[in-house]
Amino acid sequence: YSDSAASYGTEANFQANYQLTPSFVKNYAAPFTTA
């Protein structure tokens, strides 16, 4: 998007820390499986 690069900075940062991929969600899912 026209303004997303200014926030994420680099492709590596986006993919490692912010992209809503299956592996990303799986990594953080545990606290959200019971409530």
ModelCIF file with pLDDT and N, C-alpha, C, O atoms, coordinates in Angstrom:
data_MODEL
#
_entry.id   MODEL 
#
_entity.id                         1 
_entity.type                       polymer 
_entity.pdbx_number_of_molecules   1 
#
_entity_poly.entity_id                      1 
_entity_poly.type                           'polypeptide(L)' 
_entity_poly.nstd_linkage                   no 
_entity_poly.nstd_monomer                   no 
_entity_poly.pdbx_seq_one_letter_code       YSDSAASYGTEANFQANYQLTPSFVKNYAAPFTTA 
_entity_poly.pdbx_seq_one_letter_code_can   YSDSAASYGTEANFQANYQLTPSFVKNYAAPFTTA 
_entity_poly.pdbx_strand_id                 A 
#
loop_
_entity_poly_seq.entity_id 
_entity_poly_seq.num 
_entity_poly_seq.mon_id 
_entity_poly_seq.hetero 
1 1  TYR n 
1 2  SER n 
1 3  ASP n 
1 4  SER n 
1 5  ALA n 
1 6  ALA n 
1 7  SER n 
1 8  TYR n 
1 9  GLY n 
1 10 THR n 
1 11 GLU n 
1 12 ALA n 
1 13 ASN n 
1 14 PHE n 
1 15 GLN n 
1 16 ALA n 
1 17 ASN n 
1 18 TYR n 
1 19 GLN n 
1 20 LEU n 
1 21 THR n 
1 22 PRO n 
1 23 SER n 
1 24 PHE n 
1 25 VAL n 
1 26 LYS n 
1 27 ASN n 
1 28 TYR n 
1 29 ALA n 
1 30 ALA n 
1 31 PRO n 
1 32 PHE n 
1 33 THR n 
1 34 THR n 
1 35 ALA n 
#
_struct_asym.id          A 
_struct_asym.entity_id   1 
#
loop_
_ma_qa_metric.id 
_ma_qa_metric.mode 
_ma_qa_metric.name 
_ma_qa_metric.software_group_id 
_ma_qa_metric.type 
1 global pLDDT . pLDDT 
2 local  pLDDT . pLDDT 
#
_ma_qa_metric_global.metric_id      1 
_ma_qa_metric_global.metric_value   97.69 
_ma_qa_metric_global.model_id       1 
_ma_qa_metric_global.ordinal_id     1 
#
loop_
_ma_qa_metric_local.label_asym_id 
_ma_qa_metric_local.label_comp_id 
_ma_qa_metric_local.label_seq_id 
_ma_qa_metric_local.metric_id 
_ma_qa_metric_local.metric_value 
_ma_qa_metric_local.model_id 
_ma_qa_metric_local.ordinal_id 
A TYR 1  2 97.00 1 1  
A SER 2  2 96.00 1 2  
A ASP 3  2 97.00 1 3  
A SER 4  2 98.00 1 4  
A ALA 5  2 98.00 1 5  
A ALA 6  2 98.00 1 6  
A SER 7  2 98.00 1 7  
A TYR 8  2 98.00 1 8  
A GLY 9  2 98.00 1 9  
A THR 10 2 98.00 1 10 
A GLU 11 2 98.00 1 11 
A ALA 12 2 98.00 1 12 
A ASN 13 2 98.00 1 13 
A PHE 14 2 98.00 1 14 
A GLN 15 2 98.00 1 15 
A ALA 16 2 98.00 1 16 
A ASN 17 2 98.00 1 17 
A TYR 18 2 98.00 1 18 
A GLN 19 2 98.00 1 19 
A LEU 20 2 98.00 1 20 
A THR 21 2 98.00 1 21 
A PRO 22 2 98.00 1 22 
A SER 23 2 98.00 1 23 
A PHE 24 2 98.00 1 24 
A VAL 25 2 98.00 1 25 
A LYS 26 2 98.00 1 26 
A ASN 27 2 98.00 1 27 
A TYR 28 2 98.00 1 28 
A ALA 29 2 98.00 1 29 
A ALA 30 2 97.00 1 30 
A PRO 31 2 97.00 1 31 
A PHE 32 2 98.00 1 32 
A THR 33 2 97.00 1 33 
A THR 34 2 96.00 1 34 
A ALA 35 2 96.00 1 35 
#
loop_
_atom_site.group_PDB 
_atom_site.id 
_atom_site.type_symbol 
_atom_site.label_atom_id 
_atom_site.label_alt_id 
_atom_site.label_comp_id 
_atom_site.label_asym_id 
_atom_site.label_entity_id 
_atom_site.label_seq_id 
_atom_site.pdbx_PDB_ins_code 
_atom_site.Cartn_x 
_atom_site.Cartn_y 
_atom_site.Cartn_z 
_atom_site.occupancy 
_atom_site.B_iso_or_equiv 
_atom_site.pdbx_formal_charge 
_atom_site.auth_seq_id 
_atom_site.auth_comp_id 
_atom_site.auth_asym_id 
_atom_site.auth_atom_id 
_atom_site.pdbx_PDB_model_num 
ATOM 1   N N  . TYR A 1 1  ? 0.841   -1.192  0.000  1.00 97.00 ? 1  TYR A N  1 
ATOM 2   C CA . TYR A 1 1  ? 0.000   0.000   0.000  1.00 97.00 ? 1  TYR A CA 1 
ATOM 3   C C  . TYR A 1 1  ? 0.880   1.247   0.000  1.00 97.00 ? 1  TYR A C  1 
ATOM 4   O O  . TYR A 1 1  ? 2.049   1.197   0.384  1.00 97.00 ? 1  TYR A O  1 
ATOM 5   N N  . SER A 1 2  ? 0.305   2.358   -0.433 1.00 96.00 ? 2  SER A N  1 
ATOM 6   C CA . SER A 1 2  ? 1.098   3.564   -0.651 1.00 96.00 ? 2  SER A CA 1 
ATOM 7   C C  . SER A 1 2  ? 1.784   4.071   0.608  1.00 96.00 ? 2  SER A C  1 
ATOM 8   O O  . SER A 1 2  ? 2.821   4.729   0.523  1.00 96.00 ? 2  SER A O  1 
ATOM 9   N N  . ASP A 1 3  ? 1.215   3.772   1.785  1.00 97.00 ? 3  ASP A N  1 
ATOM 10  C CA . ASP A 1 3  ? 1.802   4.290   3.022  1.00 97.00 ? 3  ASP A CA 1 
ATOM 11  C C  . ASP A 1 3  ? 2.319   3.205   3.959  1.00 97.00 ? 3  ASP A C  1 
ATOM 12  O O  . ASP A 1 3  ? 2.759   3.513   5.067  1.00 97.00 ? 3  ASP A O  1 
ATOM 13  N N  . SER A 1 4  ? 2.276   1.938   3.536  1.00 98.00 ? 4  SER A N  1 
ATOM 14  C CA . SER A 1 4  ? 2.679   0.870   4.457  1.00 98.00 ? 4  SER A CA 1 
ATOM 15  C C  . SER A 1 4  ? 4.190   0.785   4.634  1.00 98.00 ? 4  SER A C  1 
ATOM 16  O O  . SER A 1 4  ? 4.653   0.436   5.719  1.00 98.00 ? 4  SER A O  1 
ATOM 17  N N  . ALA A 1 5  ? 4.973   1.094   3.598  1.00 98.00 ? 5  ALA A N  1 
ATOM 18  C CA . ALA A 1 5  ? 6.429   0.982   3.706  1.00 98.00 ? 5  ALA A CA 1 
ATOM 19  C C  . ALA A 1 5  ? 6.992   1.927   4.748  1.00 98.00 ? 5  ALA A C  1 
ATOM 20  O O  . ALA A 1 5  ? 7.982   1.605   5.405  1.00 98.00 ? 5  ALA A O  1 
ATOM 21  N N  . ALA A 1 6  ? 6.373   3.098   4.912  1.00 98.00 ? 6  ALA A N  1 
ATOM 22  C CA . ALA A 1 6  ? 6.881   4.068   5.888  1.00 98.00 ? 6  ALA A CA 1 
ATOM 23  C C  . ALA A 1 6  ? 6.778   3.539   7.309  1.00 98.00 ? 6  ALA A C  1 
ATOM 24  O O  . ALA A 1 6  ? 7.554   3.942   8.176  1.00 98.00 ? 6  ALA A O  1 
ATOM 25  N N  . SER A 1 7  ? 5.826   2.637   7.563  1.00 98.00 ? 7  SER A N  1 
ATOM 26  C CA . SER A 1 7  ? 5.685   2.056   8.894  1.00 98.00 ? 7  SER A CA 1 
ATOM 27  C C  . SER A 1 7  ? 6.548   0.813   9.074  1.00 98.00 ? 7  SER A C  1 
ATOM 28  O O  . SER A 1 7  ? 7.247   0.679   10.079 1.00 98.00 ? 7  SER A O  1 
ATOM 29  N N  . TYR A 1 8  ? 6.500   -0.097  8.100  1.00 98.00 ? 8  TYR A N  1 
ATOM 30  C CA . TYR A 1 8  ? 7.201   -1.375  8.263  1.00 98.00 ? 8  TYR A CA 1 
ATOM 31  C C  . TYR A 1 8  ? 8.696   -1.267  7.981  1.00 98.00 ? 8  TYR A C  1 
ATOM 32  O O  . TYR A 1 8  ? 9.482   -2.028  8.546  1.00 98.00 ? 8  TYR A O  1 
ATOM 33  N N  . GLY A 1 9  ? 9.098   -0.350  7.128  1.00 98.00 ? 9  GLY A N  1 
ATOM 34  C CA . GLY A 1 9  ? 10.514  -0.106  6.905  1.00 98.00 ? 9  GLY A CA 1 
ATOM 35  C C  . GLY A 1 9  ? 11.178  -1.032  5.918  1.00 98.00 ? 9  GLY A C  1 
ATOM 36  O O  . GLY A 1 9  ? 11.780  -0.581  4.943  1.00 98.00 ? 9  GLY A O  1 
ATOM 37  N N  . THR A 1 10 ? 11.073  -2.347  6.167  1.00 98.00 ? 10 THR A N  1 
ATOM 38  C CA . THR A 1 10 ? 11.714  -3.338  5.303  1.00 98.00 ? 10 THR A CA 1 
ATOM 39  C C  . THR A 1 10 ? 10.797  -4.546  5.145  1.00 98.00 ? 10 THR A C  1 
ATOM 40  O O  . THR A 1 10 ? 9.918   -4.795  5.970  1.00 98.00 ? 10 THR A O  1 
ATOM 41  N N  . GLU A 1 11 ? 11.027  -5.294  4.055  1.00 98.00 ? 11 GLU A N  1 
ATOM 42  C CA . GLU A 1 11 ? 10.275  -6.528  3.835  1.00 98.00 ? 11 GLU A CA 1 
ATOM 43  C C  . GLU A 1 11 ? 10.573  -7.542  4.928  1.00 98.00 ? 11 GLU A C  1 
ATOM 44  O O  . GLU A 1 11 ? 9.675   -8.246  5.390  1.00 98.00 ? 11 GLU A O  1 
ATOM 45  N N  . ALA A 1 12 ? 11.825  -7.616  5.338  1.00 98.00 ? 12 ALA A N  1 
ATOM 46  C CA . ALA A 1 12 ? 12.199  -8.584  6.369  1.00 98.00 ? 12 ALA A CA 1 
ATOM 47  C C  . ALA A 1 12 ? 11.477  -8.295  7.685  1.00 98.00 ? 12 ALA A C  1 
ATOM 48  O O  . ALA A 1 12 ? 11.007  -9.221  8.345  1.00 98.00 ? 12 ALA A O  1 
ATOM 49  N N  . ASN A 1 13 ? 11.386  -7.036  8.069  1.00 98.00 ? 13 ASN A N  1 
ATOM 50  C CA . ASN A 1 13 ? 10.693  -6.675  9.303  1.00 98.00 ? 13 ASN A CA 1 
ATOM 51  C C  . ASN A 1 13 ? 9.214   -7.020  9.213  1.00 98.00 ? 13 ASN A C  1 
ATOM 52  O O  . ASN A 1 13 ? 8.643   -7.569  10.155 1.00 98.00 ? 13 ASN A O  1 
ATOM 53  N N  . PHE A 1 14 ? 8.595   -6.701  8.086  1.00 98.00 ? 14 PHE A N  1 
ATOM 54  C CA . PHE A 1 14 ? 7.176   -7.002  7.908  1.00 98.00 ? 14 PHE A CA 1 
ATOM 55  C C  . PHE A 1 14 ? 6.913   -8.497  8.002  1.00 98.00 ? 14 PHE A C  1 
ATOM 56  O O  . PHE A 1 14 ? 6.016   -8.926  8.729  1.00 98.00 ? 14 PHE A O  1 
ATOM 57  N N  . GLN A 1 15 ? 7.685   -9.288  7.276  1.00 98.00 ? 15 GLN A N  1 
ATOM 58  C CA . GLN A 1 15 ? 7.442   -10.732 7.253  1.00 98.00 ? 15 GLN A CA 1 
ATOM 59  C C  . GLN A 1 15 ? 7.720   -11.387 8.599  1.00 98.00 ? 15 GLN A C  1 
ATOM 60  O O  . GLN A 1 15 ? 7.010   -12.310 8.998  1.00 98.00 ? 15 GLN A O  1 
ATOM 61  N N  . ALA A 1 16 ? 8.726   -10.928 9.288  1.00 98.00 ? 16 ALA A N  1 
ATOM 62  C CA . ALA A 1 16 ? 9.097   -11.557 10.556 1.00 98.00 ? 16 ALA A CA 1 
ATOM 63  C C  . ALA A 1 16 ? 8.202   -11.157 11.710 1.00 98.00 ? 16 ALA A C  1 
ATOM 64  O O  . ALA A 1 16 ? 8.008   -11.940 12.640 1.00 98.00 ? 16 ALA A O  1 
ATOM 65  N N  . ASN A 1 17 ? 7.641   -9.929  11.667 1.00 98.00 ? 17 ASN A N  1 
ATOM 66  C CA . ASN A 1 17 ? 7.010   -9.396  12.867 1.00 98.00 ? 17 ASN A CA 1 
ATOM 67  C C  . ASN A 1 17 ? 5.560   -8.967  12.730 1.00 98.00 ? 17 ASN A C  1 
ATOM 68  O O  . ASN A 1 17 ? 4.899   -8.750  13.745 1.00 98.00 ? 17 ASN A O  1 
ATOM 69  N N  . TYR A 1 18 ? 5.032   -8.832  11.497 1.00 98.00 ? 18 TYR A N  1 
ATOM 70  C CA . TYR A 1 18 ? 3.712   -8.232  11.371 1.00 98.00 ? 18 TYR A CA 1 
ATOM 71  C C  . TYR A 1 18 ? 2.766   -8.908  10.376 1.00 98.00 ? 18 TYR A C  1 
ATOM 72  O O  . TYR A 1 18 ? 1.554   -8.727  10.491 1.00 98.00 ? 18 TYR A O  1 
ATOM 73  N N  . GLN A 1 19 ? 3.255   -9.665  9.423  1.00 98.00 ? 19 GLN A N  1 
ATOM 74  C CA . GLN A 1 19 ? 2.370   -10.263 8.429  1.00 98.00 ? 19 GLN A CA 1 
ATOM 75  C C  . GLN A 1 19 ? 1.488   -11.327 9.081  1.00 98.00 ? 19 GLN A C  1 
ATOM 76  O O  . GLN A 1 19 ? 1.977   -12.189 9.812  1.00 98.00 ? 19 GLN A O  1 
ATOM 77  N N  . LEU A 1 20 ? 0.189   -11.257 8.809  1.00 98.00 ? 20 LEU A N  1 
ATOM 78  C CA . LEU A 1 20 ? -0.778  -12.161 9.450  1.00 98.00 ? 20 LEU A CA 1 
ATOM 79  C C  . LEU A 1 20 ? -0.843  -13.490 8.694  1.00 98.00 ? 20 LEU A C  1 
ATOM 80  O O  . LEU A 1 20 ? -1.836  -13.802 8.036  1.00 98.00 ? 20 LEU A O  1 
ATOM 81  N N  . THR A 1 21 ? 0.220   -14.249 8.803  1.00 98.00 ? 21 THR A N  1 
ATOM 82  C CA . THR A 1 21 ? 0.332   -15.544 8.136  1.00 98.00 ? 21 THR A CA 1 
ATOM 83  C C  . THR A 1 21 ? -0.119  -16.655 9.086  1.00 98.00 ? 21 THR A C  1 
ATOM 84  O O  . THR A 1 21 ? -0.263  -16.425 10.287 1.00 98.00 ? 21 THR A O  1 
ATOM 85  N N  . PRO A 1 22 ? -0.344  -17.866 8.547  1.00 98.00 ? 22 PRO A N  1 
ATOM 86  C CA . PRO A 1 22 ? -0.674  -18.990 9.435  1.00 98.00 ? 22 PRO A CA 1 
ATOM 87  C C  . PRO A 1 22 ? 0.377   -19.226 10.512 1.00 98.00 ? 22 PRO A C  1 
ATOM 88  O O  . PRO A 1 22 ? 0.030   -19.507 11.659 1.00 98.00 ? 22 PRO A O  1 
ATOM 89  N N  . SER A 1 23 ? 1.658   -19.116 10.161 1.00 98.00 ? 23 SER A N  1 
ATOM 90  C CA . SER A 1 23 ? 2.700   -19.349 11.169 1.00 98.00 ? 23 SER A CA 1 
ATOM 91  C C  . SER A 1 23 ? 2.697   -18.259 12.222 1.00 98.00 ? 23 SER A C  1 
ATOM 92  O O  . SER A 1 23 ? 2.941   -18.535 13.397 1.00 98.00 ? 23 SER A O  1 
ATOM 93  N N  . PHE A 1 24 ? 2.425   -17.018 11.821 1.00 98.00 ? 24 PHE A N  1 
ATOM 94  C CA . PHE A 1 24 ? 2.355   -15.916 12.780 1.00 98.00 ? 24 PHE A CA 1 
ATOM 95  C C  . PHE A 1 24 ? 1.216   -16.152 13.771 1.00 98.00 ? 24 PHE A C  1 
ATOM 96  O O  . PHE A 1 24 ? 1.420   -16.087 14.983 1.00 98.00 ? 24 PHE A O  1 
ATOM 97  N N  . VAL A 1 25 ? 0.034   -16.422 13.261 1.00 98.00 ? 25 VAL A N  1 
ATOM 98  C CA . VAL A 1 25 ? -1.118  -16.640 14.140 1.00 98.00 ? 25 VAL A CA 1 
ATOM 99  C C  . VAL A 1 25 ? -0.892  -17.856 15.021 1.00 98.00 ? 25 VAL A C  1 
ATOM 100 O O  . VAL A 1 25 ? -1.202  -17.819 16.212 1.00 98.00 ? 25 VAL A O  1 
ATOM 101 N N  . LYS A 1 26 ? -0.358  -18.933 14.458 1.00 98.00 ? 26 LYS A N  1 
ATOM 102 C CA . LYS A 1 26 ? -0.101  -20.145 15.238 1.00 98.00 ? 26 LYS A CA 1 
ATOM 103 C C  . LYS A 1 26 ? 0.855   -19.858 16.397 1.00 98.00 ? 26 LYS A C  1 
ATOM 104 O O  . LYS A 1 26 ? 0.672   -20.374 17.500 1.00 98.00 ? 26 LYS A O  1 
ATOM 105 N N  . ASN A 1 27 ? 1.862   -19.044 16.144 1.00 98.00 ? 27 ASN A N  1 
ATOM 106 C CA . ASN A 1 27 ? 2.862   -18.728 17.156 1.00 98.00 ? 27 ASN A CA 1 
ATOM 107 C C  . ASN A 1 27 ? 2.267   -18.008 18.358 1.00 98.00 ? 27 ASN A C  1 
ATOM 108 O O  . ASN A 1 27 ? 2.735   -18.182 19.483 1.00 98.00 ? 27 ASN A O  1 
ATOM 109 N N  . TYR A 1 28 ? 1.223   -17.189 18.120 1.00 98.00 ? 28 TYR A N  1 
ATOM 110 C CA . TYR A 1 28 ? 0.653   -16.374 19.193 1.00 98.00 ? 28 TYR A CA 1 
ATOM 111 C C  . TYR A 1 28 ? -0.743  -16.836 19.617 1.00 98.00 ? 28 TYR A C  1 
ATOM 112 O O  . TYR A 1 28 ? -1.410  -16.140 20.382 1.00 98.00 ? 28 TYR A O  1 
ATOM 113 N N  . ALA A 1 29 ? -1.191  -17.987 19.140 1.00 98.00 ? 29 ALA A N  1 
ATOM 114 C CA . ALA A 1 29 ? -2.590  -18.389 19.316 1.00 98.00 ? 29 ALA A CA 1 
ATOM 115 C C  . ALA A 1 29 ? -2.950  -18.811 20.737 1.00 98.00 ? 29 ALA A C  1 
ATOM 116 O O  . ALA A 1 29 ? -4.094  -18.625 21.151 1.00 98.00 ? 29 ALA A O  1 
ATOM 117 N N  . ALA A 1 30 ? -2.027  -19.364 21.482 1.00 97.00 ? 30 ALA A N  1 
ATOM 118 C CA . ALA A 1 30 ? -2.356  -20.047 22.735 1.00 97.00 ? 30 ALA A CA 1 
ATOM 119 C C  . ALA A 1 30 ? -3.243  -19.239 23.688 1.00 97.00 ? 30 ALA A C  1 
ATOM 120 O O  . ALA A 1 30 ? -4.222  -19.794 24.186 1.00 97.00 ? 30 ALA A O  1 
ATOM 121 N N  . PRO A 1 31 ? -2.961  -17.962 23.971 1.00 97.00 ? 31 PRO A N  1 
ATOM 122 C CA . PRO A 1 31 ? -3.804  -17.230 24.930 1.00 97.00 ? 31 PRO A CA 1 
ATOM 123 C C  . PRO A 1 31 ? -5.220  -16.968 24.428 1.00 97.00 ? 31 PRO A C  1 
ATOM 124 O O  . PRO A 1 31 ? -6.069  -16.504 25.189 1.00 97.00 ? 31 PRO A O  1 
ATOM 125 N N  . PHE A 1 32 ? -5.482  -17.261 23.157 1.00 98.00 ? 32 PHE A N  1 
ATOM 126 C CA . PHE A 1 32 ? -6.773  -16.926 22.555 1.00 98.00 ? 32 PHE A CA 1 
ATOM 127 C C  . PHE A 1 32 ? -7.598  -18.168 22.216 1.00 98.00 ? 32 PHE A C  1 
ATOM 128 O O  . PHE A 1 32 ? -8.613  -18.077 21.526 1.00 98.00 ? 32 PHE A O  1 
ATOM 129 N N  . THR A 1 33 ? -7.163  -19.308 22.696 1.00 97.00 ? 33 THR A N  1 
ATOM 130 C CA . THR A 1 33 ? -7.889  -20.546 22.404 1.00 97.00 ? 33 THR A CA 1 
ATOM 131 C C  . THR A 1 33 ? -8.879  -20.928 23.493 1.00 97.00 ? 33 THR A C  1 
ATOM 132 O O  . THR A 1 33 ? -9.671  -21.851 23.303 1.00 97.00 ? 33 THR A O  1 
ATOM 133 N N  . THR A 1 34 ? -8.854  -20.251 24.614 1.00 96.00 ? 34 THR A N  1 
ATOM 134 C CA . THR A 1 34 ? -9.749  -20.603 25.720 1.00 96.00 ? 34 THR A CA 1 
ATOM 135 C C  . THR A 1 34 ? -10.789 -19.546 26.014 1.00 96.00 ? 34 THR A C  1 
ATOM 136 O O  . THR A 1 34 ? -11.732 -19.809 26.760 1.00 96.00 ? 34 THR A O  1 
ATOM 137 N N  . ALA A 1 35 ? -10.644 -18.336 25.440 1.00 96.00 ? 35 ALA A N  1 
ATOM 138 C CA . ALA A 1 35 ? -11.614 -17.271 25.676 1.00 96.00 ? 35 ALA A CA 1 
ATOM 139 C C  . ALA A 1 35 ? -11.704 -16.411 24.424 1.00 96.00 ? 35 ALA A C  1 
ATOM 140 O O  . ALA A 1 35 ? -12.466 -15.445 24.392 1.00 96.00 ? 35 ALA A O  1 
#
